[in-house]
Amino acid sequence: MAIDVESLNPKQLADLIARANQRQNDLQREKLHEIREKIVHLVKKEGFTVDELFGAGRRPKRTVKPKYRNPVSPFETWTGRGKRPRWFSAALLAGKKEKDLLI
């Protein structure tokens, strides 16, 4: 099936390219699905699960201990990571130093 691209106008050529790209993506997705099925079958045949072999796919979140405590409201803490909480910024503006807010 030869297509004479010289005879196509720009709209037809763009449509052909879009369809070809879509077909290429579909073929790749089908191949990935086929390979994934083979792997799952082999893993099950050997008596394991995919999670045992590759892990659950995510690392467990590690909790970070708080580093700073709000002196006005002690249940509010901050680890020192990410955006500063308003109470922390307000305490600094009020003249406190970071070391004053350490736990």
PDB file of N, CA and C in Angstrom:
ATOM      1  N   MET A   1       0.845  -1.167   0.000  1.00  0.00           N
ATOM      2  CA  MET A   1       0.000   0.000   0.000  1.00  0.00           C
ATOM      3  C   MET A   1       0.896   1.237   0.000  1.00  0.00           C
ATOM      4  N   ALA A   2       1.126   1.744  -1.155  1.00  0.00           N
ATOM      5  CA  ALA A   2       1.954   2.941  -1.286  1.00  0.00           C
ATOM      6  C   ALA A   2       1.048   4.161  -1.380  1.00  0.00           C
ATOM      7  N   ILE A   3       1.390   5.181  -0.636  1.00  0.00           N
ATOM      8  CA  ILE A   3       0.629   6.423  -0.661  1.00  0.00           C
ATOM      9  C   ILE A   3       1.502   7.475  -1.312  1.00  0.00           C
ATOM     10  N   ASP A   4       0.959   8.126  -2.313  1.00  0.00           N
ATOM     11  CA  ASP A   4       1.692   9.182  -3.004  1.00  0.00           C
ATOM     12  C   ASP A   4       1.542  10.470  -2.203  1.00  0.00           C
ATOM     13  N   VAL A   5       2.515  10.742  -1.340  1.00  0.00           N
ATOM     14  CA  VAL A   5       2.431  11.920  -0.481  1.00  0.00           C
ATOM     15  C   VAL A   5       2.598  13.209  -1.265  1.00  0.00           C
ATOM     16  N   GLU A   6       3.163  13.131  -2.456  1.00  0.00           N
ATOM     17  CA  GLU A   6       3.343  14.325  -3.284  1.00  0.00           C
ATOM     18  C   GLU A   6       2.002  14.891  -3.744  1.00  0.00           C
ATOM     19  N   SER A   7       1.008  14.025  -3.859  1.00  0.00           N
ATOM     20  CA  SER A   7      -0.293  14.472  -4.370  1.00  0.00           C
ATOM     21  C   SER A   7      -1.224  14.974  -3.265  1.00  0.00           C
ATOM     22  N   LEU A   8      -0.809  14.867  -2.008  1.00  0.00           N
ATOM     23  CA  LEU A   8      -1.666  15.270  -0.899  1.00  0.00           C
ATOM     24  C   LEU A   8      -1.534  16.768  -0.628  1.00  0.00           C
ATOM     25  N   ASN A   9      -2.678  17.373  -0.279  1.00  0.00           N
ATOM     26  CA  ASN A   9      -2.625  18.779   0.122  1.00  0.00           C
ATOM     27  C   ASN A   9      -2.208  18.826   1.599  1.00  0.00           C
ATOM     28  N   PRO A  10      -1.891  20.015   2.137  1.00  0.00           N
ATOM     29  CA  PRO A  10      -1.410  20.093   3.525  1.00  0.00           C
ATOM     30  C   PRO A  10      -2.380  19.500   4.549  1.00  0.00           C
ATOM     31  N   LYS A  11      -3.678  19.704   4.360  1.00  0.00           N
ATOM     32  CA  LYS A  11      -4.650  19.159   5.308  1.00  0.00           C
ATOM     33  C   LYS A  11      -4.657  17.638   5.267  1.00  0.00           C
ATOM     34  N   GLN A  12      -4.622  17.070   4.073  1.00  0.00           N
ATOM     35  CA  GLN A  12      -4.600  15.618   3.933  1.00  0.00           C
ATOM     36  C   GLN A  12      -3.304  15.029   4.501  1.00  0.00           C
ATOM     37  N   LEU A  13      -2.202  15.727   4.259  1.00  0.00           N
ATOM     38  CA  LEU A  13      -0.916  15.265   4.769  1.00  0.00           C
ATOM     39  C   LEU A  13      -0.889  15.295   6.299  1.00  0.00           C
ATOM     40  N   ALA A  14      -1.424  16.367   6.891  1.00  0.00           N
ATOM     41  CA  ALA A  14      -1.480  16.465   8.347  1.00  0.00           C
ATOM     42  C   ALA A  14      -2.365  15.364   8.916  1.00  0.00           C
ATOM     43  N   ASP A  15      -3.489  15.077   8.237  1.00  0.00           N
ATOM     44  CA  ASP A  15      -4.387  14.011   8.681  1.00  0.00           C
ATOM     45  C   ASP A  15      -3.691  12.652   8.606  1.00  0.00           C
ATOM     46  N   LEU A  16      -2.960  12.422   7.524  1.00  0.00           N
ATOM     47  CA  LEU A  16      -2.230  11.165   7.364  1.00  0.00           C
ATOM     48  C   LEU A  16      -1.180  11.000   8.458  1.00  0.00           C
ATOM     49  N   ILE A  17      -0.456  12.064   8.760  1.00  0.00           N
ATOM     50  CA  ILE A  17       0.565  12.014   9.804  1.00  0.00           C
ATOM     51  C   ILE A  17      -0.075  11.737  11.157  1.00  0.00           C
ATOM     52  N   ALA A  18      -1.184  12.402  11.445  1.00  0.00           N
ATOM     53  CA  ALA A  18      -1.871  12.193  12.726  1.00  0.00           C
ATOM     54  C   ALA A  18      -2.351  10.751  12.849  1.00  0.00           C
ATOM     55  N   ARG A  19      -2.921  10.221  11.777  1.00  0.00           N
ATOM     56  CA  ARG A  19      -3.389   8.829  11.823  1.00  0.00           C
ATOM     57  C   ARG A  19      -2.228   7.854  11.962  1.00  0.00           C
ATOM     58  N   ALA A  20      -1.115   8.138  11.292  1.00  0.00           N
ATOM     59  CA  ALA A  20       0.059   7.267  11.381  1.00  0.00           C
ATOM     60  C   ALA A  20       0.625   7.298  12.802  1.00  0.00           C
ATOM     61  N   ASN A  21       0.697   8.483  13.399  1.00  0.00           N
ATOM     62  CA  ASN A  21       1.182   8.587  14.782  1.00  0.00           C
ATOM     63  C   ASN A  21       0.262   7.846  15.739  1.00  0.00           C
ATOM     64  N   GLN A  22      -1.043   7.974  15.537  1.00  0.00           N
ATOM     65  CA  GLN A  22      -1.998   7.273  16.392  1.00  0.00           C
ATOM     66  C   GLN A  22      -1.847   5.764  16.256  1.00  0.00           C
ATOM     67  N   ARG A  23      -1.674   5.302  15.029  1.00  0.00           N
ATOM     68  CA  ARG A  23      -1.493   3.863  14.796  1.00  0.00           C
ATOM     69  C   ARG A  23      -0.214   3.360  15.458  1.00  0.00           C
ATOM     70  N   GLN A  24       0.844   4.172  15.353  1.00  0.00           N
ATOM     71  CA  GLN A  24       2.112   3.808  15.976  1.00  0.00           C
ATOM     72  C   GLN A  24       1.952   3.705  17.493  1.00  0.00           C
ATOM     73  N   ASN A  25       1.251   4.653  18.093  1.00  0.00           N
ATOM     74  CA  ASN A  25       0.990   4.602  19.538  1.00  0.00           C
ATOM     75  C   ASN A  25       0.159   3.389  19.914  1.00  0.00           C
ATOM     76  N   ASP A  26      -0.852   3.074  19.101  1.00  0.00           N
ATOM     77  CA  ASP A  26      -1.691   1.907  19.367  1.00  0.00           C
ATOM     78  C   ASP A  26      -0.874   0.620  19.326  1.00  0.00           C
ATOM     79  N   LEU A  27      -0.012   0.492  18.323  1.00  0.00           N
ATOM     80  CA  LEU A  27       0.821  -0.704  18.206  1.00  0.00           C
ATOM     81  C   LEU A  27       1.772  -0.835  19.396  1.00  0.00           C
ATOM     82  N   GLN A  28       2.329   0.283  19.824  1.00  0.00           N
ATOM     83  CA  GLN A  28       3.228   0.253  20.969  1.00  0.00           C
ATOM     84  C   GLN A  28       2.478  -0.141  22.235  1.00  0.00           C
ATOM     85  N   ARG A  29       1.267   0.412  22.417  1.00  0.00           N
ATOM     86  CA  ARG A  29       0.456   0.067  23.584  1.00  0.00           C
ATOM     87  C   ARG A  29       0.103  -1.419  23.576  1.00  0.00           C
ATOM     88  N   GLU A  30      -0.244  -1.954  22.402  1.00  0.00           N
ATOM     89  CA  GLU A  30      -0.574  -3.375  22.291  1.00  0.00           C
ATOM     90  C   GLU A  30       0.641  -4.242  22.648  1.00  0.00           C
ATOM     91  N   LYS A  31       1.814  -3.842  22.182  1.00  0.00           N
ATOM     92  CA  LYS A  31       3.033  -4.600  22.457  1.00  0.00           C
ATOM     93  C   LYS A  31       3.346  -4.573  23.959  1.00  0.00           C
ATOM     94  N   LEU A  32       3.193  -3.398  24.584  1.00  0.00           N
ATOM     95  CA  LEU A  32       3.417  -3.295  26.024  1.00  0.00           C
ATOM     96  C   LEU A  32       2.457  -4.183  26.796  1.00  0.00           C
ATOM     97  N   HIS A  33       1.203  -4.196  26.382  1.00  0.00           N
ATOM     98  CA  HIS A  33       0.200  -5.033  27.046  1.00  0.00           C
ATOM     99  C   HIS A  33       0.581  -6.510  26.901  1.00  0.00           C
ATOM    100  N   GLU A  34       1.012  -6.881  25.721  1.00  0.00           N
ATOM    101  CA  GLU A  34       1.404  -8.269  25.463  1.00  0.00           C
ATOM    102  C   GLU A  34       2.598  -8.671  26.336  1.00  0.00           C
ATOM    103  N   ILE A  35       3.587  -7.802  26.439  1.00  0.00           N
ATOM    104  CA  ILE A  35       4.769  -8.092  27.252  1.00  0.00           C
ATOM    105  C   ILE A  35       4.390  -8.146  28.728  1.00  0.00           C
ATOM    106  N   ARG A  36       3.539  -7.221  29.146  1.00  0.00           N
ATOM    107  CA  ARG A  36       3.101  -7.199  30.552  1.00  0.00           C
ATOM    108  C   ARG A  36       2.392  -8.506  30.900  1.00  0.00           C
ATOM    109  N   GLU A  37       1.525  -8.985  30.020  1.00  0.00           N
ATOM    110  CA  GLU A  37       0.825 -10.240  30.252  1.00  0.00           C
ATOM    111  C   GLU A  37       1.799 -11.418  30.346  1.00  0.00           C
ATOM    112  N   LYS A  38       2.815 -11.429  29.510  1.00  0.00           N
ATOM    113  CA  LYS A  38       3.817 -12.494  29.560  1.00  0.00           C
ATOM    114  C   LYS A  38       4.549 -12.481  30.899  1.00  0.00           C
ATOM    115  N   ILE A  39       4.916 -11.278  31.359  1.00  0.00           N
ATOM    116  CA  ILE A  39       5.634 -11.161  32.626  1.00  0.00           C
ATOM    117  C   ILE A  39       4.760 -11.634  33.787  1.00  0.00           C
ATOM    118  N   VAL A  40       3.513 -11.190  33.816  1.00  0.00           N
ATOM    119  CA  VAL A  40       2.595 -11.587  34.888  1.00  0.00           C
ATOM    120  C   VAL A  40       2.407 -13.098  34.887  1.00  0.00           C
ATOM    121  N   HIS A  41       2.252 -13.669  33.710  1.00  0.00           N
ATOM    122  CA  HIS A  41       2.084 -15.123  33.599  1.00  0.00           C
ATOM    123  C   HIS A  41       3.315 -15.852  34.135  1.00  0.00           C
ATOM    124  N   LEU A  42       4.506 -15.382  33.764  1.00  0.00           N
ATOM    125  CA  LEU A  42       5.739 -16.020  34.218  1.00  0.00           C
ATOM    126  C   LEU A  42       5.901 -15.892  35.730  1.00  0.00           C
ATOM    127  N   VAL A  43       5.597 -14.727  36.271  1.00  0.00           N
ATOM    128  CA  VAL A  43       5.728 -14.508  37.710  1.00  0.00           C
ATOM    129  C   VAL A  43       4.772 -15.431  38.467  1.00  0.00           C
ATOM    130  N   LYS A  44       3.516 -15.519  38.011  1.00  0.00           N
ATOM    131  CA  LYS A  44       2.546 -16.395  38.662  1.00  0.00           C
ATOM    132  C   LYS A  44       2.952 -17.854  38.543  1.00  0.00           C
ATOM    133  N   LYS A  45       3.492 -18.221  37.388  1.00  0.00           N
ATOM    134  CA  LYS A  45       3.931 -19.593  37.164  1.00  0.00           C
ATOM    135  C   LYS A  45       5.035 -19.982  38.141  1.00  0.00           C
ATOM    136  N   GLU A  46       5.874 -19.035  38.511  1.00  0.00           N
ATOM    137  CA  GLU A  46       6.963 -19.290  39.454  1.00  0.00           C
ATOM    138  C   GLU A  46       6.503 -19.191  40.908  1.00  0.00           C
ATOM    139  N   GLY A  47       5.236 -18.810  41.136  1.00  0.00           N
ATOM    140  CA  GLY A  47       4.689 -18.804  42.488  1.00  0.00           C
ATOM    141  C   GLY A  47       4.848 -17.486  43.238  1.00  0.00           C
ATOM    142  N   PHE A  48       5.061 -16.414  42.525  1.00  0.00           N
ATOM    143  CA  PHE A  48       5.205 -15.108  43.156  1.00  0.00           C
ATOM    144  C   PHE A  48       4.102 -14.171  42.675  1.00  0.00           C
ATOM    145  N   THR A  49       4.043 -13.006  43.303  1.00  0.00           N
ATOM    146  CA  THR A  49       3.154 -11.957  42.811  1.00  0.00           C
ATOM    147  C   THR A  49       4.025 -10.855  42.221  1.00  0.00           C
ATOM    148  N   VAL A  50       3.426 -10.019  41.416  1.00  0.00           N
ATOM    149  CA  VAL A  50       4.160  -8.913  40.806  1.00  0.00           C
ATOM    150  C   VAL A  50       4.649  -7.960  41.890  1.00  0.00           C
ATOM    151  N   ASP A  51       3.836  -7.728  42.925  1.00  0.00           N
ATOM    152  CA  ASP A  51       4.252  -6.853  44.021  1.00  0.00           C
ATOM    153  C   ASP A  51       5.460  -7.412  44.762  1.00  0.00           C
ATOM    154  N   GLU A  52       5.509  -8.730  44.943  1.00  0.00           N
ATOM    155  CA  GLU A  52       6.668  -9.334  45.599  1.00  0.00           C
ATOM    156  C   GLU A  52       7.927  -9.139  44.762  1.00  0.00           C
ATOM    157  N   LEU A  53       7.761  -9.215  43.470  1.00  0.00           N
ATOM    158  CA  LEU A  53       8.905  -9.117  42.574  1.00  0.00           C
ATOM    159  C   LEU A  53       9.370  -7.680  42.389  1.00  0.00           C
ATOM    160  N   PHE A  54       8.433  -6.770  42.152  1.00  0.00           N
ATOM    161  CA  PHE A  54       8.791  -5.390  41.833  1.00  0.00           C
ATOM    162  C   PHE A  54       8.464  -4.402  42.939  1.00  0.00           C
ATOM    163  N   GLY A  55       7.850  -4.833  44.003  1.00  0.00           N
ATOM    164  CA  GLY A  55       7.430  -3.914  45.053  1.00  0.00           C
ATOM    165  C   GLY A  55       6.067  -3.355  44.714  1.00  0.00           C
ATOM    166  N   ALA A  56       5.526  -2.599  45.628  1.00  0.00           N
ATOM    167  CA  ALA A  56       4.179  -2.063  45.444  1.00  0.00           C
ATOM    168  C   ALA A  56       4.154  -0.918  44.450  1.00  0.00           C
ATOM    169  N   GLY A  57       5.307  -0.453  43.992  1.00  0.00           N
ATOM    170  CA  GLY A  57       5.329   0.607  43.005  1.00  0.00           C
ATOM    171  C   GLY A  57       5.550   1.983  43.606  1.00  0.00           C
ATOM    172  N   ARG A  58       5.401   2.105  44.889  1.00  0.00           N
ATOM    173  CA  ARG A  58       5.612   3.389  45.548  1.00  0.00           C
ATOM    174  C   ARG A  58       6.442   3.173  46.799  1.00  0.00           C
ATOM    175  N   ARG A  59       7.280   4.128  47.052  1.00  0.00           N
ATOM    176  CA  ARG A  59       8.007   4.077  48.310  1.00  0.00           C
ATOM    177  C   ARG A  59       7.070   4.576  49.398  1.00  0.00           C
ATOM    178  N   PRO A  60       7.128   3.975  50.552  1.00  0.00           N
ATOM    179  CA  PRO A  60       6.269   4.472  51.630  1.00  0.00           C
ATOM    180  C   PRO A  60       6.727   5.870  52.045  1.00  0.00           C
ATOM    181  N   LYS A  61       5.748   6.701  52.363  1.00  0.00           N
ATOM    182  CA  LYS A  61       6.081   8.046  52.808  1.00  0.00           C
ATOM    183  C   LYS A  61       6.741   7.974  54.165  1.00  0.00           C
ATOM    184  N   ARG A  62       7.844   8.680  54.282  1.00  0.00           N
ATOM    185  CA  ARG A  62       8.523   8.752  55.566  1.00  0.00           C
ATOM    186  C   ARG A  62       8.072  10.023  56.265  1.00  0.00           C
ATOM    187  N   THR A  63       7.751   9.887  57.515  1.00  0.00           N
ATOM    188  CA  THR A  63       7.354  11.068  58.271  1.00  0.00           C
ATOM    189  C   THR A  63       8.598  11.713  58.847  1.00  0.00           C
ATOM    190  N   VAL A  64       8.562  13.033  58.892  1.00  0.00           N
ATOM    191  CA  VAL A  64       9.677  13.801  59.406  1.00  0.00           C
ATOM    192  C   VAL A  64       9.249  14.402  60.737  1.00  0.00           C
ATOM    193  N   LYS A  65      10.117  14.293  61.717  1.00  0.00           N
ATOM    194  CA  LYS A  65       9.792  14.841  63.032  1.00  0.00           C
ATOM    195  C   LYS A  65       9.745  16.359  62.957  1.00  0.00           C
ATOM    196  N   PRO A  66       8.824  16.975  63.701  1.00  0.00           N
ATOM    197  CA  PRO A  66       8.759  18.430  63.716  1.00  0.00           C
ATOM    198  C   PRO A  66      10.025  19.023  64.328  1.00  0.00           C
ATOM    199  N   LYS A  67      10.414  20.170  63.804  1.00  0.00           N
ATOM    200  CA  LYS A  67      11.616  20.839  64.267  1.00  0.00           C
ATOM    201  C   LYS A  67      11.280  22.115  65.051  1.00  0.00           C
ATOM    202  N   TYR A  68      10.144  22.726  64.693  1.00  0.00           N
ATOM    203  CA  TYR A  68       9.738  23.987  65.319  1.00  0.00           C
ATOM    204  C   TYR A  68       8.338  23.859  65.914  1.00  0.00           C
ATOM    205  N   ARG A  69       8.097  24.606  66.997  1.00  0.00           N
ATOM    206  CA  ARG A  69       6.787  24.601  67.644  1.00  0.00           C
ATOM    207  C   ARG A  69       6.330  26.042  67.827  1.00  0.00           C
ATOM    208  N   ASN A  70       5.041  26.265  67.608  1.00  0.00           N
ATOM    209  CA  ASN A  70       4.449  27.585  67.793  1.00  0.00           C
ATOM    210  C   ASN A  70       4.329  27.844  69.294  1.00  0.00           C
ATOM    211  N   PRO A  71       4.979  28.899  69.807  1.00  0.00           N
ATOM    212  CA  PRO A  71       4.909  29.154  71.246  1.00  0.00           C
ATOM    213  C   PRO A  71       3.520  29.588  71.704  1.00  0.00           C
ATOM    214  N   VAL A  72       2.735  30.179  70.828  1.00  0.00           N
ATOM    215  CA  VAL A  72       1.389  30.637  71.190  1.00  0.00           C
ATOM    216  C   VAL A  72       0.410  29.474  71.198  1.00  0.00           C
ATOM    217  N   SER A  73       0.562  28.584  70.231  1.00  0.00           N
ATOM    218  CA  SER A  73      -0.333  27.447  70.097  1.00  0.00           C
ATOM    219  C   SER A  73       0.528  26.188  69.942  1.00  0.00           C
ATOM    220  N   PRO A  74       0.902  25.534  71.033  1.00  0.00           N
ATOM    221  CA  PRO A  74       1.881  24.446  71.012  1.00  0.00           C
ATOM    222  C   PRO A  74       1.528  23.239  70.140  1.00  0.00           C
ATOM    223  N   PHE A  75       0.272  23.073  69.773  1.00  0.00           N
ATOM    224  CA  PHE A  75      -0.061  21.917  68.922  1.00  0.00           C
ATOM    225  C   PHE A  75       0.347  22.153  67.468  1.00  0.00           C
ATOM    226  N   GLU A  76       0.697  23.392  67.106  1.00  0.00           N
ATOM    227  CA  GLU A  76       1.147  23.691  65.746  1.00  0.00           C
ATOM    228  C   GLU A  76       2.659  23.517  65.676  1.00  0.00           C
ATOM    229  N   THR A  77       3.090  22.657  64.761  1.00  0.00           N
ATOM    230  CA  THR A  77       4.513  22.400  64.576  1.00  0.00           C
ATOM    231  C   THR A  77       4.861  22.504  63.104  1.00  0.00           C
ATOM    232  N   TRP A  78       6.155  22.542  62.841  1.00  0.00           N
ATOM    233  CA  TRP A  78       6.636  22.596  61.457  1.00  0.00           C
ATOM    234  C   TRP A  78       7.939  21.827  61.379  1.00  0.00           C
ATOM    235  N   THR A  79       8.111  21.068  60.306  1.00  0.00           N
ATOM    236  CA  THR A  79       9.314  20.248  60.144  1.00  0.00           C
ATOM    237  C   THR A  79      10.504  21.047  59.642  1.00  0.00           C
ATOM    238  N   GLY A  80      10.264  22.228  59.125  1.00  0.00           N
ATOM    239  CA  GLY A  80      11.337  23.008  58.535  1.00  0.00           C
ATOM    240  C   GLY A  80      11.430  22.779  57.037  1.00  0.00           C
ATOM    241  N   ARG A  81      10.532  21.960  56.517  1.00  0.00           N
ATOM    242  CA  ARG A  81      10.491  21.674  55.077  1.00  0.00           C
ATOM    243  C   ARG A  81       9.273  22.344  54.465  1.00  0.00           C
ATOM    244  N   GLY A  82       9.417  22.732  53.228  1.00  0.00           N
ATOM    245  CA  GLY A  82       8.290  23.342  52.532  1.00  0.00           C
ATOM    246  C   GLY A  82       8.113  24.803  52.922  1.00  0.00           C
ATOM    247  N   LYS A  83       6.973  25.328  52.545  1.00  0.00           N
ATOM    248  CA  LYS A  83       6.665  26.735  52.793  1.00  0.00           C
ATOM    249  C   LYS A  83       6.519  26.985  54.299  1.00  0.00           C
ATOM    250  N   ARG A  84       7.034  28.122  54.724  1.00  0.00           N
ATOM    251  CA  ARG A  84       6.918  28.471  56.142  1.00  0.00           C
ATOM    252  C   ARG A  84       5.463  28.707  56.513  1.00  0.00           C
ATOM    253  N   PRO A  85       5.044  28.187  57.663  1.00  0.00           N
ATOM    254  CA  PRO A  85       3.682  28.460  58.111  1.00  0.00           C
ATOM    255  C   PRO A  85       3.557  29.923  58.544  1.00  0.00           C
ATOM    256  N   ARG A  86       2.346  30.420  58.531  1.00  0.00           N
ATOM    257  CA  ARG A  86       2.105  31.822  58.896  1.00  0.00           C
ATOM    258  C   ARG A  86       2.554  32.120  60.315  1.00  0.00           C
ATOM    259  N   TRP A  87       2.301  31.199  61.235  1.00  0.00           N
ATOM    260  CA  TRP A  87       2.690  31.450  62.621  1.00  0.00           C
ATOM    261  C   TRP A  87       4.203  31.592  62.759  1.00  0.00           C
ATOM    262  N   PHE A  88       4.966  30.851  61.930  1.00  0.00           N
ATOM    263  CA  PHE A  88       6.423  30.918  61.979  1.00  0.00           C
ATOM    264  C   PHE A  88       6.897  32.279  61.479  1.00  0.00           C
ATOM    265  N   SER A  89       6.359  32.707  60.349  1.00  0.00           N
ATOM    266  CA  SER A  89       6.719  34.013  59.792  1.00  0.00           C
ATOM    267  C   SER A  89       6.323  35.140  60.736  1.00  0.00           C
ATOM    268  N   ALA A  90       5.133  35.018  61.342  1.00  0.00           N
ATOM    269  CA  ALA A  90       4.668  36.053  62.270  1.00  0.00           C
ATOM    270  C   ALA A  90       5.581  36.121  63.496  1.00  0.00           C
ATOM    271  N   ALA A  91       6.028  34.992  63.983  1.00  0.00           N
ATOM    272  CA  ALA A  91       6.917  34.974  65.153  1.00  0.00           C
ATOM    273  C   ALA A  91       8.253  35.628  64.814  1.00  0.00           C
ATOM    274  N   LEU A  92       8.754  35.394  63.607  1.00  0.00           N
ATOM    275  CA  LEU A  92      10.011  36.028  63.197  1.00  0.00           C
ATOM    276  C   LEU A  92       9.840  37.543  63.086  1.00  0.00           C
ATOM    277  N   LEU A  93       8.709  37.966  62.542  1.00  0.00           N
ATOM    278  CA  LEU A  93       8.433  39.402  62.437  1.00  0.00           C
ATOM    279  C   LEU A  93       8.270  40.045  63.817  1.00  0.00           C
ATOM    280  N   ALA A  94       7.820  39.276  64.776  1.00  0.00           N
ATOM    281  CA  ALA A  94       7.623  39.781  66.130  1.00  0.00           C
ATOM    282  C   ALA A  94       8.939  39.851  66.911  1.00  0.00           C
ATOM    283  N   GLY A  95      10.030  39.439  66.292  1.00  0.00           N
ATOM    284  CA  GLY A  95      11.332  39.554  66.939  1.00  0.00           C
ATOM    285  C   GLY A  95      11.925  38.251  67.416  1.00  0.00           C
ATOM    286  N   LYS A  96      11.208  37.148  67.293  1.00  0.00           N
ATOM    287  CA  LYS A  96      11.757  35.857  67.705  1.00  0.00           C
ATOM    288  C   LYS A  96      12.805  35.417  66.682  1.00  0.00           C
ATOM    289  N   LYS A  97      13.698  34.568  67.118  1.00  0.00           N
ATOM    290  CA  LYS A  97      14.693  33.973  66.233  1.00  0.00           C
ATOM    291  C   LYS A  97      14.318  32.506  66.000  1.00  0.00           C
ATOM    292  N   GLU A  98      14.822  31.941  64.900  1.00  0.00           N
ATOM    293  CA  GLU A  98      14.504  30.548  64.582  1.00  0.00           C
ATOM    294  C   GLU A  98      14.870  29.630  65.738  1.00  0.00           C
ATOM    295  N   LYS A  99      16.005  29.889  66.386  1.00  0.00           N
ATOM    296  CA  LYS A  99      16.435  29.011  67.489  1.00  0.00           C
ATOM    297  C   LYS A  99      15.491  29.088  68.675  1.00  0.00           C
ATOM    298  N   ASP A 100      14.743  30.215  68.793  1.00  0.00           N
ATOM    299  CA  ASP A 100      13.755  30.335  69.887  1.00  0.00           C
ATOM    300  C   ASP A 100      12.562  29.408  69.664  1.00  0.00           C
ATOM    301  N   LEU A 101      12.321  29.058  68.415  1.00  0.00           N
ATOM    302  CA  LEU A 101      11.141  28.242  68.085  1.00  0.00           C
ATOM    303  C   LEU A 101      11.470  26.750  67.977  1.00  0.00           C
ATOM    304  N   LEU A 102      12.731  26.394  68.142  1.00  0.00           N
ATOM    305  CA  LEU A 102      13.104  24.977  68.067  1.00  0.00           C
ATOM    306  C   LEU A 102      12.442  24.179  69.176  1.00  0.00           C
ATOM    307  N   ILE A 103      12.132  22.938  68.870  1.00  0.00           N
ATOM    308  CA  ILE A 103      11.534  22.048  69.870  1.00  0.00           C
ATOM    309  C   ILE A 103      12.620  21.515  70.772  1.00  0.00           C
TER     310      ILE A 103
END
